[in-house]
């Protein structure tokens, strides 16, 4: 068996992705994990590399990601990205973000340098009908605002 035939399926898929990918920004290696909704069901994915405009993901459960589908990446509270699958091969896929990556999530993923942010404590607590509004879950605050 030749050395080319002994390459793993993932190596071939990664090589295909590199050829098919048309990036507008340089990518950096990543080891971040996220929950991806592909297109609606959740799957754990690993970011292989990332840039301001997109990323390459690898599914941890081995599912194939359909080319052209929309992917919602969830990195935790308030840290979500949405993009379109531009290419797909085996367990890997190239995702182009709908909006350029910036801010705290870009710093967390290593795309931007981290900047010290000085946040001052809020001096006044907003009051709602049941006490401090900041203690209520978001959905309950919205419901109470609509009722008022």
C-alpha atoms as a PDB file:
ATOM      1  CA  UNK A   1       0.000   0.000   0.000  1.00  0.00           C
ATOM      2  CA  UNK A   2       1.435   3.419  -0.922  1.00  0.00           C
ATOM      3  CA  UNK A   3       1.848   6.208   1.611  1.00  0.00           C
ATOM      4  CA  UNK A   4      -0.914   8.220  -0.067  1.00  0.00           C
ATOM      5  CA  UNK A   5      -3.382   5.366   0.336  1.00  0.00           C
ATOM      6  CA  UNK A   6      -2.577   5.021   4.029  1.00  0.00           C
ATOM      7  CA  UNK A   7      -3.605   8.589   4.884  1.00  0.00           C
ATOM      8  CA  UNK A   8      -6.494   8.812   7.275  1.00  0.00           C
ATOM      9  CA  UNK A   9      -9.894   9.904   6.084  1.00  0.00           C
ATOM     10  CA  UNK A  10      -9.640  13.072   8.227  1.00  0.00           C
ATOM     11  CA  UNK A  11      -6.329  14.047   6.586  1.00  0.00           C
ATOM     12  CA  UNK A  12      -7.876  13.717   3.140  1.00  0.00           C
ATOM     13  CA  UNK A  13     -10.954  15.688   4.234  1.00  0.00           C
ATOM     14  CA  UNK A  14      -8.764  18.440   5.695  1.00  0.00           C
ATOM     15  CA  UNK A  15      -6.727  18.628   2.478  1.00  0.00           C
ATOM     16  CA  UNK A  16      -9.914  18.849   0.392  1.00  0.00           C
ATOM     17  CA  UNK A  17     -11.178  21.625   2.623  1.00  0.00           C
ATOM     18  CA  UNK A  18      -7.963  23.583   2.239  1.00  0.00           C
ATOM     19  CA  UNK A  19      -8.193  23.381  -1.561  1.00  0.00           C
ATOM     20  CA  UNK A  20     -11.906  24.270  -1.705  1.00  0.00           C
ATOM     21  CA  UNK A  21     -11.681  27.098   0.822  1.00  0.00           C
ATOM     22  CA  UNK A  22     -11.600  30.698  -0.477  1.00  0.00           C
ATOM     23  CA  UNK A  23     -10.636  32.706   2.586  1.00  0.00           C
ATOM     24  CA  UNK A  24     -10.551  36.467   2.795  1.00  0.00           C
ATOM     25  CA  UNK A  25      -8.651  36.478   6.116  1.00  0.00           C
ATOM     26  CA  UNK A  26      -5.810  34.426   7.607  1.00  0.00           C
ATOM     27  CA  UNK A  27      -6.863  31.767  10.060  1.00  0.00           C
ATOM     28  CA  UNK A  28      -5.180  30.777  13.286  1.00  0.00           C
ATOM     29  CA  UNK A  29      -5.263  27.348  14.907  1.00  0.00           C
ATOM     30  CA  UNK A  30      -7.851  26.878  17.613  1.00  0.00           C
ATOM     31  CA  UNK A  31      -8.842  24.301  20.177  1.00  0.00           C
ATOM     32  CA  UNK A  32     -12.146  25.922  21.144  1.00  0.00           C
ATOM     33  CA  UNK A  33     -15.286  23.817  21.418  1.00  0.00           C
ATOM     34  CA  UNK A  34     -18.868  24.867  20.820  1.00  0.00           C
ATOM     35  CA  UNK A  35     -22.372  23.551  20.451  1.00  0.00           C
ATOM     36  CA  UNK A  36     -23.435  23.849  16.823  1.00  0.00           C
ATOM     37  CA  UNK A  37     -27.002  23.751  15.609  1.00  0.00           C
ATOM     38  CA  UNK A  38     -26.715  22.003  12.237  1.00  0.00           C
ATOM     39  CA  UNK A  39     -29.305  23.058  10.996  1.00  0.00           C
ATOM     40  CA  UNK A  40     -31.482  22.650  14.107  1.00  0.00           C
ATOM     41  CA  UNK A  41     -30.150  19.696  16.090  1.00  0.00           C
ATOM     42  CA  UNK A  42     -27.276  20.362  18.540  1.00  0.00           C
ATOM     43  CA  UNK A  43     -23.862  18.766  17.984  1.00  0.00           C
ATOM     44  CA  UNK A  44     -20.538  19.292  19.764  1.00  0.00           C
ATOM     45  CA  UNK A  45     -17.896  20.694  17.433  1.00  0.00           C
ATOM     46  CA  UNK A  46     -14.246  21.653  17.666  1.00  0.00           C
ATOM     47  CA  UNK A  47     -12.922  24.756  15.926  1.00  0.00           C
ATOM     48  CA  UNK A  48      -9.839  23.617  14.015  1.00  0.00           C
ATOM     49  CA  UNK A  49      -8.970  27.146  12.912  1.00  0.00           C
ATOM     50  CA  UNK A  50     -10.662  30.549  13.009  1.00  0.00           C
ATOM     51  CA  UNK A  51     -10.432  34.043  11.498  1.00  0.00           C
ATOM     52  CA  UNK A  52     -12.552  37.183  11.582  1.00  0.00           C
ATOM     53  CA  UNK A  53     -14.579  35.930   8.610  1.00  0.00           C
ATOM     54  CA  UNK A  54     -14.962  32.204   9.235  1.00  0.00           C
ATOM     55  CA  UNK A  55     -13.734  28.967  10.735  1.00  0.00           C
ATOM     56  CA  UNK A  56     -13.238  25.293  10.085  1.00  0.00           C
ATOM     57  CA  UNK A  57     -15.207  23.006  12.358  1.00  0.00           C
ATOM     58  CA  UNK A  58     -14.921  19.292  13.026  1.00  0.00           C
ATOM     59  CA  UNK A  59     -17.918  17.444  14.438  1.00  0.00           C
ATOM     60  CA  UNK A  60     -17.148  15.308  17.461  1.00  0.00           C
ATOM     61  CA  UNK A  61     -19.950  12.838  16.792  1.00  0.00           C
ATOM     62  CA  UNK A  62     -18.873  12.205  13.197  1.00  0.00           C
ATOM     63  CA  UNK A  63     -21.915  13.603  11.400  1.00  0.00           C
ATOM     64  CA  UNK A  64     -21.506  15.154   7.971  1.00  0.00           C
ATOM     65  CA  UNK A  65     -22.383  18.845   7.742  1.00  0.00           C
ATOM     66  CA  UNK A  66     -24.472  19.642   4.641  1.00  0.00           C
ATOM     67  CA  UNK A  67     -22.896  22.235   2.347  1.00  0.00           C
ATOM     68  CA  UNK A  68     -24.987  25.409   2.135  1.00  0.00           C
ATOM     69  CA  UNK A  69     -26.656  24.906   5.510  1.00  0.00           C
ATOM     70  CA  UNK A  70     -26.755  27.554   8.220  1.00  0.00           C
ATOM     71  CA  UNK A  71     -24.784  26.793  11.383  1.00  0.00           C
ATOM     72  CA  UNK A  72     -25.346  28.497  14.745  1.00  0.00           C
ATOM     73  CA  UNK A  73     -22.264  28.208  16.992  1.00  0.00           C
ATOM     74  CA  UNK A  74     -22.842  28.670  20.729  1.00  0.00           C
ATOM     75  CA  UNK A  75     -19.769  29.284  22.908  1.00  0.00           C
ATOM     76  CA  UNK A  76     -21.740  30.151  26.045  1.00  0.00           C
ATOM     77  CA  UNK A  77     -23.996  32.942  27.297  1.00  0.00           C
ATOM     78  CA  UNK A  78     -23.926  35.891  24.910  1.00  0.00           C
ATOM     79  CA  UNK A  79     -21.270  34.289  22.725  1.00  0.00           C
ATOM     80  CA  UNK A  80     -22.942  33.091  19.554  1.00  0.00           C
ATOM     81  CA  UNK A  81     -22.008  33.132  15.879  1.00  0.00           C
ATOM     82  CA  UNK A  82     -23.994  32.289  12.783  1.00  0.00           C
ATOM     83  CA  UNK A  83     -22.571  31.327   9.420  1.00  0.00           C
ATOM     84  CA  UNK A  84     -23.043  29.363   6.240  1.00  0.00           C
ATOM     85  CA  UNK A  85     -21.278  26.110   5.364  1.00  0.00           C
ATOM     86  CA  UNK A  86     -19.190  26.865   2.262  1.00  0.00           C
ATOM     87  CA  UNK A  87     -17.658  23.395   1.888  1.00  0.00           C
ATOM     88  CA  UNK A  88     -18.046  20.072   3.620  1.00  0.00           C
ATOM     89  CA  UNK A  89     -15.926  16.926   3.674  1.00  0.00           C
ATOM     90  CA  UNK A  90     -16.406  13.990   6.070  1.00  0.00           C
ATOM     91  CA  UNK A  91     -16.540  15.422   9.619  1.00  0.00           C
ATOM     92  CA  UNK A  92     -15.095  18.832   8.686  1.00  0.00           C
ATOM     93  CA  UNK A  93     -16.710  21.941   7.247  1.00  0.00           C
ATOM     94  CA  UNK A  94     -15.728  25.495   6.367  1.00  0.00           C
ATOM     95  CA  UNK A  95     -18.068  28.133   7.787  1.00  0.00           C
ATOM     96  CA  UNK A  96     -18.271  31.757   6.624  1.00  0.00           C
ATOM     97  CA  UNK A  97     -19.642  33.997   9.376  1.00  0.00           C
ATOM     98  CA  UNK A  98     -22.621  36.208   8.541  1.00  0.00           C
ATOM     99  CA  UNK A  99     -20.942  39.055  10.479  1.00  0.00           C
ATOM    100  CA  UNK A 100     -17.244  39.677  10.966  1.00  0.00           C
ATOM    101  CA  UNK A 101     -15.957  38.385  14.300  1.00  0.00           C
ATOM    102  CA  UNK A 102     -14.940  41.113  16.754  1.00  0.00           C
ATOM    103  CA  UNK A 103     -15.081  42.086  20.413  1.00  0.00           C
ATOM    104  CA  UNK A 104     -14.778  39.798  23.425  1.00  0.00           C
ATOM    105  CA  UNK A 105     -15.496  36.596  21.487  1.00  0.00           C
ATOM    106  CA  UNK A 106     -12.755  37.433  18.969  1.00  0.00           C
ATOM    107  CA  UNK A 107     -10.351  37.976  21.874  1.00  0.00           C
ATOM    108  CA  UNK A 108     -11.454  34.730  23.537  1.00  0.00           C
ATOM    109  CA  UNK A 109     -10.817  32.783  20.324  1.00  0.00           C
ATOM    110  CA  UNK A 110      -7.428  34.501  19.838  1.00  0.00           C
ATOM    111  CA  UNK A 111      -8.338  36.435  16.684  1.00  0.00           C
ATOM    112  CA  UNK A 112      -7.893  39.813  18.431  1.00  0.00           C
ATOM    113  CA  UNK A 113      -5.545  40.717  21.261  1.00  0.00           C
ATOM    114  CA  UNK A 114      -7.261  40.826  24.648  1.00  0.00           C
ATOM    115  CA  UNK A 115      -7.826  44.338  25.946  1.00  0.00           C
ATOM    116  CA  UNK A 116      -8.239  45.194  29.616  1.00  0.00           C
ATOM    117  CA  UNK A 117     -11.776  46.379  30.192  1.00  0.00           C
ATOM    118  CA  UNK A 118     -12.500  48.347  33.350  1.00  0.00           C
ATOM    119  CA  UNK A 119     -16.106  47.803  34.327  1.00  0.00           C
ATOM    120  CA  UNK A 120     -17.491  49.912  37.161  1.00  0.00           C
ATOM    121  CA  UNK A 121     -20.162  48.497  39.411  1.00  0.00           C
ATOM    122  CA  UNK A 122     -23.659  49.761  38.761  1.00  0.00           C
ATOM    123  CA  UNK A 123     -24.490  52.218  41.539  1.00  0.00           C
ATOM    124  CA  UNK A 124     -28.253  52.172  41.135  1.00  0.00           C
ATOM    125  CA  UNK A 125     -30.309  48.996  41.074  1.00  0.00           C
ATOM    126  CA  UNK A 126     -33.303  49.207  38.752  1.00  0.00           C
ATOM    127  CA  UNK A 127     -36.482  48.260  40.527  1.00  0.00           C
ATOM    128  CA  UNK A 128     -39.153  46.104  38.973  1.00  0.00           C
ATOM    129  CA  UNK A 129     -42.593  45.107  40.230  1.00  0.00           C
ATOM    130  CA  UNK A 130     -41.093  42.203  42.195  1.00  0.00           C
ATOM    131  CA  UNK A 131     -37.917  43.878  43.456  1.00  0.00           C
ATOM    132  CA  UNK A 132     -34.542  44.304  41.749  1.00  0.00           C
ATOM    133  CA  UNK A 133     -35.003  43.620  38.038  1.00  0.00           C
ATOM    134  CA  UNK A 134     -31.467  42.289  37.721  1.00  0.00           C
ATOM    135  CA  UNK A 135     -32.394  39.270  39.855  1.00  0.00           C
ATOM    136  CA  UNK A 136     -35.228  38.138  37.584  1.00  0.00           C
ATOM    137  CA  UNK A 137     -34.645  35.838  34.627  1.00  0.00           C
ATOM    138  CA  UNK A 138     -34.650  37.636  31.307  1.00  0.00           C
ATOM    139  CA  UNK A 139     -37.850  36.028  30.054  1.00  0.00           C
ATOM    140  CA  UNK A 140     -39.743  36.971  33.217  1.00  0.00           C
ATOM    141  CA  UNK A 141     -38.611  40.623  32.975  1.00  0.00           C
ATOM    142  CA  UNK A 142     -39.881  40.765  29.382  1.00  0.00           C
ATOM    143  CA  UNK A 143     -43.201  39.209  30.376  1.00  0.00           C
ATOM    144  CA  UNK A 144     -43.659  41.674  33.221  1.00  0.00           C
ATOM    145  CA  UNK A 145     -42.816  44.637  30.938  1.00  0.00           C
ATOM    146  CA  UNK A 146     -45.486  43.547  28.445  1.00  0.00           C
ATOM    147  CA  UNK A 147     -48.076  43.206  31.222  1.00  0.00           C
ATOM    148  CA  UNK A 148     -47.354  46.696  32.600  1.00  0.00           C
END
